C-alpha cells in the first residue's frame, strides 16, 4: 500500500514558524530605516548650521549671502568635507534663510 502524498500539519506549522522568524528579522530593518534617514537629515542640518557659524568667523562678517556661497565654502574644505556639501537622504534640497543665517528644517 502506498501512503497518500500530501502535506502534514507538522510540515505546515514548521513552514509558518520559519516564515515568522524571517519576518521578525526583516521587518525591523524596514521600520527603522525611515528613522535613520530622518536622523541623518537632522544631523546634516546641524552640521550645515555649524558651518554657517564657521563661515562667519572666517570671513569676519555675517553669514553667507546665499546657499551657493556656503556651498563654495564647504567644497573648498576637502579635508572636512571630502564628499562636498551634505545632502538630504530623501533627495530634497536644504533651504537656506539668508536673513536668519541658517538652514531651515524640513519635514519628510
C-alpha atoms as a PDB file:
ATOM      1  CA  UNK A   1       0.000   0.000   0.000  1.00  0.00           C
ATOM      2  CA  UNK A   2       1.274   3.393  -0.972  1.00  0.00           C
ATOM      3  CA  UNK A   3       0.864   6.169   1.543  1.00  0.00           C
ATOM      4  CA  UNK A   4      -1.076   9.120   0.237  1.00  0.00           C
ATOM      5  CA  UNK A   5       1.075  12.057  -0.688  1.00  0.00           C
ATOM      6  CA  UNK A   6       0.296  15.366   0.913  1.00  0.00           C
ATOM      7  CA  UNK A   7       1.420  17.926   3.427  1.00  0.00           C
ATOM      8  CA  UNK A   8       1.086  17.096   7.093  1.00  0.00           C
ATOM      9  CA  UNK A   9       0.014  19.531   9.773  1.00  0.00           C
ATOM     10  CA  UNK A  10       3.509  19.380  11.261  1.00  0.00           C
ATOM     11  CA  UNK A  11       5.067  20.485   7.962  1.00  0.00           C
ATOM     12  CA  UNK A  12       2.635  23.398   7.687  1.00  0.00           C
ATOM     13  CA  UNK A  13       3.396  24.512  11.246  1.00  0.00           C
ATOM     14  CA  UNK A  14       7.131  24.252  10.627  1.00  0.00           C
ATOM     15  CA  UNK A  15       6.799  26.371   7.472  1.00  0.00           C
ATOM     16  CA  UNK A  16       4.810  29.025   9.377  1.00  0.00           C
ATOM     17  CA  UNK A  17       7.441  29.067  12.108  1.00  0.00           C
ATOM     18  CA  UNK A  18      10.236  29.625   9.570  1.00  0.00           C
ATOM     19  CA  UNK A  19       8.288  32.380   7.785  1.00  0.00           C
ATOM     20  CA  UNK A  20       7.587  34.033  11.138  1.00  0.00           C
ATOM     21  CA  UNK A  21      11.274  34.035  12.039  1.00  0.00           C
ATOM     22  CA  UNK A  22      12.234  35.521   8.679  1.00  0.00           C
ATOM     23  CA  UNK A  23       9.568  38.227   9.030  1.00  0.00           C
ATOM     24  CA  UNK A  24      10.675  39.006  12.589  1.00  0.00           C
ATOM     25  CA  UNK A  25      14.217  39.539  11.342  1.00  0.00           C
ATOM     26  CA  UNK A  26      13.296  41.580   8.256  1.00  0.00           C
ATOM     27  CA  UNK A  27      10.500  43.885   9.438  1.00  0.00           C
ATOM     28  CA  UNK A  28      12.525  45.991  11.929  1.00  0.00           C
ATOM     29  CA  UNK A  29      15.005  46.958   9.233  1.00  0.00           C
ATOM     30  CA  UNK A  30      12.159  48.364   7.113  1.00  0.00           C
ATOM     31  CA  UNK A  31      10.567  50.172  10.060  1.00  0.00           C
ATOM     32  CA  UNK A  32      13.747  51.787  11.383  1.00  0.00           C
ATOM     33  CA  UNK A  33      15.260  52.726   8.022  1.00  0.00           C
ATOM     34  CA  UNK A  34      12.976  55.783   7.857  1.00  0.00           C
ATOM     35  CA  UNK A  35      14.014  56.894  11.336  1.00  0.00           C
ATOM     36  CA  UNK A  36      17.659  56.590  10.355  1.00  0.00           C
ATOM     37  CA  UNK A  37      17.182  58.849   7.348  1.00  0.00           C
ATOM     38  CA  UNK A  38      15.337  61.447   9.444  1.00  0.00           C
ATOM     39  CA  UNK A  39      18.180  61.384  11.964  1.00  0.00           C
ATOM     40  CA  UNK A  40      20.756  61.753   9.194  1.00  0.00           C
ATOM     41  CA  UNK A  41      18.847  64.713   7.756  1.00  0.00           C
ATOM     42  CA  UNK A  42      18.728  66.442  11.161  1.00  0.00           C
ATOM     43  CA  UNK A  43      22.451  65.836  11.642  1.00  0.00           C
ATOM     44  CA  UNK A  44      23.193  67.325   8.225  1.00  0.00           C
ATOM     45  CA  UNK A  45      21.153  70.436   9.061  1.00  0.00           C
ATOM     46  CA  UNK A  46      23.016  70.853  12.363  1.00  0.00           C
ATOM     47  CA  UNK A  47      26.348  70.401  10.547  1.00  0.00           C
ATOM     48  CA  UNK A  48      25.433  72.954   7.883  1.00  0.00           C
ATOM     49  CA  UNK A  49      24.309  75.453  10.542  1.00  0.00           C
ATOM     50  CA  UNK A  50      27.630  74.963  12.340  1.00  0.00           C
ATOM     51  CA  UNK A  51      29.420  75.646   9.052  1.00  0.00           C
ATOM     52  CA  UNK A  52      27.496  78.896   8.704  1.00  0.00           C
ATOM     53  CA  UNK A  53      28.994  79.980  12.039  1.00  0.00           C
ATOM     54  CA  UNK A  54      32.417  78.854  10.838  1.00  0.00           C
ATOM     55  CA  UNK A  55      31.925  80.855   7.623  1.00  0.00           C
ATOM     56  CA  UNK A  56      31.047  83.968   9.630  1.00  0.00           C
ATOM     57  CA  UNK A  57      34.129  83.541  11.822  1.00  0.00           C
ATOM     58  CA  UNK A  58      36.446  83.004   8.835  1.00  0.00           C
ATOM     59  CA  UNK A  59      35.052  85.872   6.798  1.00  0.00           C
ATOM     60  CA  UNK A  60      34.970  88.289   9.726  1.00  0.00           C
ATOM     61  CA  UNK A  61      31.401  89.153   8.948  1.00  0.00           C
ATOM     62  CA  UNK A  62      27.988  87.670   8.866  1.00  0.00           C
ATOM     63  CA  UNK A  63      26.568  84.517   7.364  1.00  0.00           C
ATOM     64  CA  UNK A  64      26.854  83.782   3.648  1.00  0.00           C
ATOM     65  CA  UNK A  65      24.519  85.711   1.379  1.00  0.00           C
ATOM     66  CA  UNK A  66      23.318  82.625  -0.489  1.00  0.00           C
ATOM     67  CA  UNK A  67      23.385  78.856  -0.270  1.00  0.00           C
ATOM     68  CA  UNK A  68      25.797  78.897  -3.221  1.00  0.00           C
ATOM     69  CA  UNK A  69      28.298  80.934  -1.165  1.00  0.00           C
ATOM     70  CA  UNK A  70      28.034  78.415   1.663  1.00  0.00           C
ATOM     71  CA  UNK A  71      28.452  75.548  -0.804  1.00  0.00           C
ATOM     72  CA  UNK A  72      31.669  77.114  -2.194  1.00  0.00           C
ATOM     73  CA  UNK A  73      33.000  77.489   1.340  1.00  0.00           C
ATOM     74  CA  UNK A  74      32.213  73.861   2.190  1.00  0.00           C
ATOM     75  CA  UNK A  75      33.566  72.465  -1.086  1.00  0.00           C
ATOM     76  CA  UNK A  76      36.858  74.291  -0.540  1.00  0.00           C
ATOM     77  CA  UNK A  77      37.404  72.295   2.675  1.00  0.00           C
ATOM     78  CA  UNK A  78      38.191  68.864   1.194  1.00  0.00           C
ATOM     79  CA  UNK A  79      39.626  67.622   4.475  1.00  0.00           C
ATOM     80  CA  UNK A  80      36.408  68.026   6.473  1.00  0.00           C
ATOM     81  CA  UNK A  81      34.011  67.554   3.575  1.00  0.00           C
ATOM     82  CA  UNK A  82      35.559  65.087   1.114  1.00  0.00           C
ATOM     83  CA  UNK A  83      32.141  64.437  -0.471  1.00  0.00           C
ATOM     84  CA  UNK A  84      31.165  68.080  -0.776  1.00  0.00           C
ATOM     85  CA  UNK A  85      28.019  69.616   0.654  1.00  0.00           C
ATOM     86  CA  UNK A  86      25.975  67.171   2.760  1.00  0.00           C
ATOM     87  CA  UNK A  87      22.752  66.155   1.018  1.00  0.00           C
ATOM     88  CA  UNK A  88      19.366  65.273   2.412  1.00  0.00           C
ATOM     89  CA  UNK A  89      18.955  61.471   2.374  1.00  0.00           C
ATOM     90  CA  UNK A  90      15.480  61.985   0.916  1.00  0.00           C
ATOM     91  CA  UNK A  91      16.864  63.897  -2.069  1.00  0.00           C
ATOM     92  CA  UNK A  92      15.313  67.232  -1.118  1.00  0.00           C
ATOM     93  CA  UNK A  93      17.463  70.357  -1.195  1.00  0.00           C
ATOM     94  CA  UNK A  94      18.102  72.172   2.064  1.00  0.00           C
ATOM     95  CA  UNK A  95      16.508  75.617   2.303  1.00  0.00           C
ATOM     96  CA  UNK A  96      18.767  78.452   3.389  1.00  0.00           C
ATOM     97  CA  UNK A  97      17.376  81.518   5.145  1.00  0.00           C
ATOM     98  CA  UNK A  98      19.877  84.336   4.486  1.00  0.00           C
ATOM     99  CA  UNK A  99      18.026  86.733   6.796  1.00  0.00           C
ATOM    100  CA  UNK A 100      18.288  84.329   9.728  1.00  0.00           C
ATOM    101  CA  UNK A 101      21.592  82.894   8.589  1.00  0.00           C
ATOM    102  CA  UNK A 102      20.536  79.277   8.994  1.00  0.00           C
ATOM    103  CA  UNK A 103      19.400  76.143   7.207  1.00  0.00           C
ATOM    104  CA  UNK A 104      15.693  75.580   7.749  1.00  0.00           C
ATOM    105  CA  UNK A 105      14.462  72.242   8.999  1.00  0.00           C
ATOM    106  CA  UNK A 106      12.041  70.436   6.712  1.00  0.00           C
ATOM    107  CA  UNK A 107       9.621  67.553   7.128  1.00  0.00           C
ATOM    108  CA  UNK A 108       9.682  64.208   5.465  1.00  0.00           C
END
